[in-house]
Amino acid sequence: MTATPGKAPKKEKEKRQTPEERLEALRYNHMMYGPTAGERRPTVKKVNYGAPYLKHPKFQSLIAAFKKGTAFQFDVTDKAKLCSISTDGSHISFDGKIIFYSRPANKYEDNLLLDRTSTIHYQAYDALVHLVFAVLRSFPELEPPPLSYMGHQFHLGAETLEVGMAELGPNLLMGSYRHSKVQEKPRK
């Protein structure tokens, strides 16, 4: 028995699928056959807009100052940017731009208006979205507005907030609320 000493023959390696090829194959399978029984799309989480602010003491102080006609300010950080939320008693500002403001309706009530231009400008910031809904929810005398937020845009009913701004103007009336700027005098 004479055998030549040498190396054993190499086994052929099985070719593995690269991540790009796998994604392409999945895309093709989804296009042709749809998702499999185990693949369900994740359910969309319903976000409770305004909830982080409603119970927060700084926000409650802001609303109290707005109703009394006094000044208050606090800062929030959103997308690595420090934004200031403030009131001087007649308007609520976000990062220096007026978002809500009030106009006198009568001796005891003011009208709450939303500035659409500033709101649309900052609608990508989560802090502003929560602020808008928290302010609207903190006035129980206001009717629930048809304002919603989907796809990083505010919607008024079925249309975006931008629609109708040219005809109706940038001010959107949200309703009337009772303020505490006038002190009630007891009758004698």
C-alpha atoms as a PDB file:
ATOM      1  CA  MET A   1       0.000   0.000   0.000  1.00  0.00           C
ATOM      2  CA  THR A   2       1.567   2.990  -1.177  1.00  0.00           C
ATOM      3  CA  ALA A   3      -0.342   6.217  -0.687  1.00  0.00           C
ATOM      4  CA  THR A   4       0.934   9.634  -1.277  1.00  0.00           C
ATOM      5  CA  PRO A   5       0.861  11.752   1.791  1.00  0.00           C
ATOM      6  CA  GLY A   6      -1.084  15.003   1.280  1.00  0.00           C
ATOM      7  CA  LYS A   7      -3.944  17.121   2.428  1.00  0.00           C
ATOM      8  CA  ALA A   8      -7.480  15.912   2.508  1.00  0.00           C
ATOM      9  CA  PRO A   9      -9.696  17.392  -0.156  1.00  0.00           C
ATOM     10  CA  LYS A  10     -11.609  20.541   0.944  1.00  0.00           C
ATOM     11  CA  LYS A  11     -15.323  20.359   1.323  1.00  0.00           C
ATOM     12  CA  GLU A  12     -17.335  22.741  -0.752  1.00  0.00           C
ATOM     13  CA  LYS A  13     -18.844  25.429   1.504  1.00  0.00           C
ATOM     14  CA  GLU A  14     -22.515  25.994   1.196  1.00  0.00           C
ATOM     15  CA  LYS A  15     -23.234  29.481  -0.125  1.00  0.00           C
ATOM     16  CA  ARG A  16     -25.146  31.441   2.501  1.00  0.00           C
ATOM     17  CA  GLN A  17     -27.683  34.138   1.772  1.00  0.00           C
ATOM     18  CA  THR A  18     -26.531  37.709   2.388  1.00  0.00           C
ATOM     19  CA  PRO A  19     -28.857  40.056   4.314  1.00  0.00           C
ATOM     20  CA  GLU A  20     -29.526  42.023   1.126  1.00  0.00           C
ATOM     21  CA  GLU A  21     -30.488  38.871  -0.751  1.00  0.00           C
ATOM     22  CA  ARG A  22     -32.730  37.805   2.131  1.00  0.00           C
ATOM     23  CA  LEU A  23     -34.549  41.169   2.148  1.00  0.00           C
ATOM     24  CA  GLU A  24     -34.990  40.976  -1.616  1.00  0.00           C
ATOM     25  CA  ALA A  25     -36.389  37.442  -1.333  1.00  0.00           C
ATOM     26  CA  LEU A  26     -38.787  38.523   1.453  1.00  0.00           C
ATOM     27  CA  ARG A  27     -39.907  41.504  -0.599  1.00  0.00           C
ATOM     28  CA  TYR A  28     -40.561  39.240  -3.578  1.00  0.00           C
ATOM     29  CA  ASN A  29     -42.464  36.707  -1.435  1.00  0.00           C
ATOM     30  CA  HIS A  30     -44.610  39.435   0.109  1.00  0.00           C
ATOM     31  CA  MET A  31     -45.346  40.881  -3.309  1.00  0.00           C
ATOM     32  CA  MET A  32     -46.297  37.517  -4.790  1.00  0.00           C
ATOM     33  CA  TYR A  33     -47.904  35.668  -1.890  1.00  0.00           C
ATOM     34  CA  GLY A  34     -48.593  38.186   0.895  1.00  0.00           C
ATOM     35  CA  PRO A  35     -47.550  37.802   4.519  1.00  0.00           C
ATOM     36  CA  THR A  36     -47.424  34.351   6.017  1.00  0.00           C
ATOM     37  CA  ALA A  37     -49.602  33.264   8.933  1.00  0.00           C
ATOM     38  CA  GLY A  38     -46.870  34.055  11.475  1.00  0.00           C
ATOM     39  CA  GLU A  39     -46.055  37.448   9.993  1.00  0.00           C
ATOM     40  CA  ARG A  40     -48.556  39.993  11.155  1.00  0.00           C
ATOM     41  CA  ARG A  41     -48.036  43.660  10.913  1.00  0.00           C
ATOM     42  CA  PRO A  42     -47.594  45.298  14.302  1.00  0.00           C
ATOM     43  CA  THR A  43     -50.671  47.078  15.551  1.00  0.00           C
ATOM     44  CA  VAL A  44     -50.487  50.817  15.557  1.00  0.00           C
ATOM     45  CA  LYS A  45     -50.074  52.153  19.063  1.00  0.00           C
ATOM     46  CA  LYS A  46     -52.639  54.746  19.984  1.00  0.00           C
ATOM     47  CA  VAL A  47     -50.858  57.744  21.443  1.00  0.00           C
ATOM     48  CA  ASN A  48     -52.558  59.716  24.169  1.00  0.00           C
ATOM     49  CA  TYR A  49     -51.471  63.184  23.045  1.00  0.00           C
ATOM     50  CA  GLY A  50     -51.175  65.724  25.817  1.00  0.00           C
ATOM     51  CA  ALA A  51     -51.088  63.173  28.645  1.00  0.00           C
ATOM     52  CA  PRO A  52     -47.440  63.841  29.627  1.00  0.00           C
ATOM     53  CA  TYR A  53     -48.270  67.505  30.269  1.00  0.00           C
ATOM     54  CA  LEU A  54     -51.719  67.370  31.871  1.00  0.00           C
ATOM     55  CA  LYS A  55     -50.584  66.214  35.319  1.00  0.00           C
ATOM     56  CA  HIS A  56     -47.197  67.964  35.267  1.00  0.00           C
ATOM     57  CA  PRO A  57     -46.936  70.823  37.832  1.00  0.00           C
ATOM     58  CA  LYS A  58     -45.158  73.183  35.411  1.00  0.00           C
ATOM     59  CA  PHE A  59     -47.900  72.802  32.824  1.00  0.00           C
ATOM     60  CA  GLN A  60     -50.608  73.281  35.450  1.00  0.00           C
ATOM     61  CA  SER A  61     -48.833  76.473  36.554  1.00  0.00           C
ATOM     62  CA  LEU A  62     -48.698  77.622  32.918  1.00  0.00           C
ATOM     63  CA  ILE A  63     -52.460  77.143  32.459  1.00  0.00           C
ATOM     64  CA  ALA A  64     -53.214  78.823  35.793  1.00  0.00           C
ATOM     65  CA  ALA A  65     -51.034  81.797  34.800  1.00  0.00           C
ATOM     66  CA  PHE A  66     -52.726  81.959  31.388  1.00  0.00           C
ATOM     67  CA  LYS A  67     -56.187  82.044  32.980  1.00  0.00           C
ATOM     68  CA  LYS A  68     -55.147  84.666  35.565  1.00  0.00           C
ATOM     69  CA  GLY A  69     -53.323  86.865  33.061  1.00  0.00           C
ATOM     70  CA  THR A  70     -49.864  86.508  34.638  1.00  0.00           C
ATOM     71  CA  ALA A  71     -46.523  85.347  33.239  1.00  0.00           C
ATOM     72  CA  PHE A  72     -44.908  81.912  33.539  1.00  0.00           C
ATOM     73  CA  GLN A  73     -42.185  80.034  31.627  1.00  0.00           C
ATOM     74  CA  PHE A  74     -40.521  76.617  31.549  1.00  0.00           C
ATOM     75  CA  ASP A  75     -38.198  74.774  29.179  1.00  0.00           C
ATOM     76  CA  VAL A  76     -38.453  71.386  27.480  1.00  0.00           C
ATOM     77  CA  THR A  77     -35.943  69.472  25.361  1.00  0.00           C
ATOM     78  CA  ASP A  78     -37.106  67.968  22.092  1.00  0.00           C
ATOM     79  CA  LYS A  79     -34.862  66.522  19.376  1.00  0.00           C
ATOM     80  CA  ALA A  80     -31.765  67.780  21.216  1.00  0.00           C
ATOM     81  CA  LYS A  81     -33.119  71.333  21.111  1.00  0.00           C
ATOM     82  CA  LEU A  82     -34.095  73.349  24.171  1.00  0.00           C
ATOM     83  CA  CYS A  83     -37.516  74.928  23.605  1.00  0.00           C
ATOM     84  CA  SER A  84     -39.181  77.434  25.870  1.00  0.00           C
ATOM     85  CA  ILE A  85     -42.906  77.260  26.652  1.00  0.00           C
ATOM     86  CA  SER A  86     -44.216  80.485  28.139  1.00  0.00           C
ATOM     87  CA  THR A  87     -47.223  82.684  28.705  1.00  0.00           C
ATOM     88  CA  ASP A  88     -47.641  86.358  29.475  1.00  0.00           C
ATOM     89  CA  GLY A  89     -51.335  85.970  30.226  1.00  0.00           C
ATOM     90  CA  SER A  90     -52.658  86.722  26.766  1.00  0.00           C
ATOM     91  CA  HIS A  91     -50.851  84.073  24.712  1.00  0.00           C
ATOM     92  CA  ILE A  92     -48.980  80.760  25.003  1.00  0.00           C
ATOM     93  CA  SER A  93     -45.698  80.590  23.096  1.00  0.00           C
ATOM     94  CA  PHE A  94     -43.524  77.688  22.001  1.00  0.00           C
ATOM     95  CA  ASP A  95     -39.880  78.553  21.288  1.00  0.00           C
ATOM     96  CA  GLY A  96     -40.768  82.239  20.992  1.00  0.00           C
ATOM     97  CA  LYS A  97     -43.633  81.757  18.495  1.00  0.00           C
ATOM     98  CA  ILE A  98     -47.227  82.316  19.584  1.00  0.00           C
ATOM     99  CA  ILE A  99     -49.290  79.108  19.378  1.00  0.00           C
ATOM    100  CA  PHE A 100     -52.433  79.988  21.382  1.00  0.00           C
ATOM    101  CA  TYR A 101     -53.769  83.400  22.271  1.00  0.00           C
ATOM    102  CA  SER A 102     -56.888  84.779  23.838  1.00  0.00           C
ATOM    103  CA  ARG A 103     -59.231  87.568  22.842  1.00  0.00           C
ATOM    104  CA  PRO A 104     -61.881  88.957  25.210  1.00  0.00           C
ATOM    105  CA  ALA A 105     -65.386  87.684  24.492  1.00  0.00           C
ATOM    106  CA  ASN A 106     -67.090  89.323  27.500  1.00  0.00           C
ATOM    107  CA  LYS A 107     -66.288  90.268  31.101  1.00  0.00           C
ATOM    108  CA  TYR A 108     -65.865  86.650  32.237  1.00  0.00           C
ATOM    109  CA  GLU A 109     -64.886  84.733  29.103  1.00  0.00           C
ATOM    110  CA  ASP A 110     -62.141  84.838  26.500  1.00  0.00           C
ATOM    111  CA  ASN A 111     -61.950  83.197  23.088  1.00  0.00           C
ATOM    112  CA  LEU A 112     -59.065  80.764  22.623  1.00  0.00           C
ATOM    113  CA  LEU A 113     -57.490  80.927  19.165  1.00  0.00           C
ATOM    114  CA  LEU A 114     -54.825  78.728  17.564  1.00  0.00           C
ATOM    115  CA  ASP A 115     -52.208  80.298  15.286  1.00  0.00           C
ATOM    116  CA  ARG A 116     -52.048  77.829  12.394  1.00  0.00           C
ATOM    117  CA  THR A 117     -48.866  79.252  10.850  1.00  0.00           C
ATOM    118  CA  SER A 118     -46.710  78.677  13.950  1.00  0.00           C
ATOM    119  CA  THR A 119     -48.346  75.341  14.683  1.00  0.00           C
ATOM    120  CA  ILE A 120     -47.627  74.053  11.189  1.00  0.00           C
ATOM    121  CA  HIS A 121     -44.041  75.340  11.414  1.00  0.00           C
ATOM    122  CA  TYR A 122     -43.353  73.309  14.600  1.00  0.00           C
ATOM    123  CA  GLN A 123     -45.642  70.303  13.966  1.00  0.00           C
ATOM    124  CA  ALA A 124     -42.662  67.919  13.725  1.00  0.00           C
ATOM    125  CA  TYR A 125     -41.790  68.517  17.400  1.00  0.00           C
ATOM    126  CA  ASP A 126     -43.416  66.074  19.823  1.00  0.00           C
ATOM    127  CA  ALA A 127     -43.292  68.675  22.600  1.00  0.00           C
ATOM    128  CA  LEU A 128     -45.513  71.026  20.576  1.00  0.00           C
ATOM    129  CA  VAL A 129     -47.955  68.272  19.621  1.00  0.00           C
ATOM    130  CA  HIS A 130     -48.388  67.306  23.271  1.00  0.00           C
ATOM    131  CA  LEU A 131     -48.650  71.000  24.250  1.00  0.00           C
ATOM    132  CA  VAL A 132     -51.444  71.697  21.752  1.00  0.00           C
ATOM    133  CA  PHE A 133     -53.560  68.754  22.876  1.00  0.00           C
ATOM    134  CA  ALA A 134     -52.811  69.355  26.566  1.00  0.00           C
ATOM    135  CA  VAL A 135     -53.965  72.984  26.314  1.00  0.00           C
ATOM    136  CA  LEU A 136     -57.162  71.948  24.535  1.00  0.00           C
ATOM    137  CA  ARG A 137     -57.843  69.203  27.082  1.00  0.00           C
ATOM    138  CA  SER A 138     -57.152  71.482  30.067  1.00  0.00           C
ATOM    139  CA  PHE A 139     -60.162  73.678  29.256  1.00  0.00           C
ATOM    140  CA  PRO A 140     -63.197  71.493  30.027  1.00  0.00           C
ATOM    141  CA  GLU A 141     -65.623  74.153  28.771  1.00  0.00           C
ATOM    142  CA  LEU A 142     -64.235  73.860  25.215  1.00  0.00           C
ATOM    143  CA  GLU A 143     -65.950  71.381  22.959  1.00  0.00           C
ATOM    144  CA  PRO A 144     -63.605  68.678  21.704  1.00  0.00           C
ATOM    145  CA  PRO A 145     -62.214  70.121  18.454  1.00  0.00           C
ATOM    146  CA  PRO A 146     -61.958  68.011  15.323  1.00  0.00           C
ATOM    147  CA  LEU A 147     -58.162  68.432  15.585  1.00  0.00           C
ATOM    148  CA  SER A 148     -56.042  65.297  15.190  1.00  0.00           C
ATOM    149  CA  TYR A 149     -52.424  64.406  14.514  1.00  0.00           C
ATOM    150  CA  MET A 150     -51.386  61.726  12.006  1.00  0.00           C
ATOM    151  CA  GLY A 151     -48.332  61.263   9.860  1.00  0.00           C
ATOM    152  CA  HIS A 152     -46.445  64.151  11.479  1.00  0.00           C
ATOM    153  CA  GLN A 153     -49.191  66.615  10.472  1.00  0.00           C
ATOM    154  CA  PHE A 154     -52.111  68.244  12.229  1.00  0.00           C
ATOM    155  CA  HIS A 155     -55.504  67.558  10.668  1.00  0.00           C
ATOM    156  CA  LEU A 156     -58.683  69.557  11.093  1.00  0.00           C
ATOM    157  CA  GLY A 157     -61.440  67.122  10.285  1.00  0.00           C
ATOM    158  CA  ALA A 158     -60.414  65.297   7.126  1.00  0.00           C
ATOM    159  CA  GLU A 159     -58.099  68.027   5.812  1.00  0.00           C
ATOM    160  CA  THR A 160     -54.663  69.141   6.955  1.00  0.00           C
ATOM    161  CA  LEU A 161     -54.406  72.276   9.059  1.00  0.00           C
ATOM    162  CA  GLU A 162     -52.957  74.197   6.087  1.00  0.00           C
ATOM    163  CA  VAL A 163     -56.094  73.798   3.958  1.00  0.00           C
ATOM    164  CA  GLY A 164     -58.318  76.863   4.111  1.00  0.00           C
ATOM    165  CA  MET A 165     -55.681  79.155   5.589  1.00  0.00           C
ATOM    166  CA  ALA A 166     -55.771  81.455   2.549  1.00  0.00           C
ATOM    167  CA  GLU A 167     -59.555  81.975   2.729  1.00  0.00           C
ATOM    168  CA  LEU A 168     -60.118  81.856   6.499  1.00  0.00           C
ATOM    169  CA  GLY A 169     -56.809  83.256   7.731  1.00  0.00           C
ATOM    170  CA  PRO A 170     -54.220  81.816  10.116  1.00  0.00           C
ATOM    171  CA  ASN A 171     -56.384  82.157  13.251  1.00  0.00           C
ATOM    172  CA  LEU A 172     -58.493  79.168  14.214  1.00  0.00           C
ATOM    173  CA  LEU A 173     -61.143  79.695  16.903  1.00  0.00           C
ATOM    174  CA  MET A 174     -61.095  76.816  19.379  1.00  0.00           C
ATOM    175  CA  GLY A 175     -63.892  78.126  21.621  1.00  0.00           C
ATOM    176  CA  SER A 176     -64.581  80.217  24.728  1.00  0.00           C
ATOM    177  CA  TYR A 177     -63.220  79.575  28.190  1.00  0.00           C
ATOM    178  CA  ARG A 178     -63.827  81.163  31.570  1.00  0.00           C
ATOM    179  CA  HIS A 179     -60.890  83.165  32.929  1.00  0.00           C
ATOM    180  CA  SER A 180     -60.187  84.433  36.455  1.00  0.00           C
ATOM    181  CA  LYS A 181     -58.851  87.896  35.620  1.00  0.00           C
ATOM    182  CA  VAL A 182     -61.894  89.661  37.103  1.00  0.00           C
ATOM    183  CA  GLN A 183     -62.470  89.302  40.829  1.00  0.00           C
ATOM    184  CA  GLU A 184     -66.057  88.582  41.763  1.00  0.00           C
ATOM    185  CA  LYS A 185     -67.472  91.038  44.315  1.00  0.00           C
ATOM    186  CA  PRO A 186     -70.088  89.672  46.709  1.00  0.00           C
ATOM    187  CA  ARG A 187     -73.466  91.361  46.536  1.00  0.00           C
ATOM    188  CA  LYS A 188     -74.667  93.172  49.619  1.00  0.00           C
END
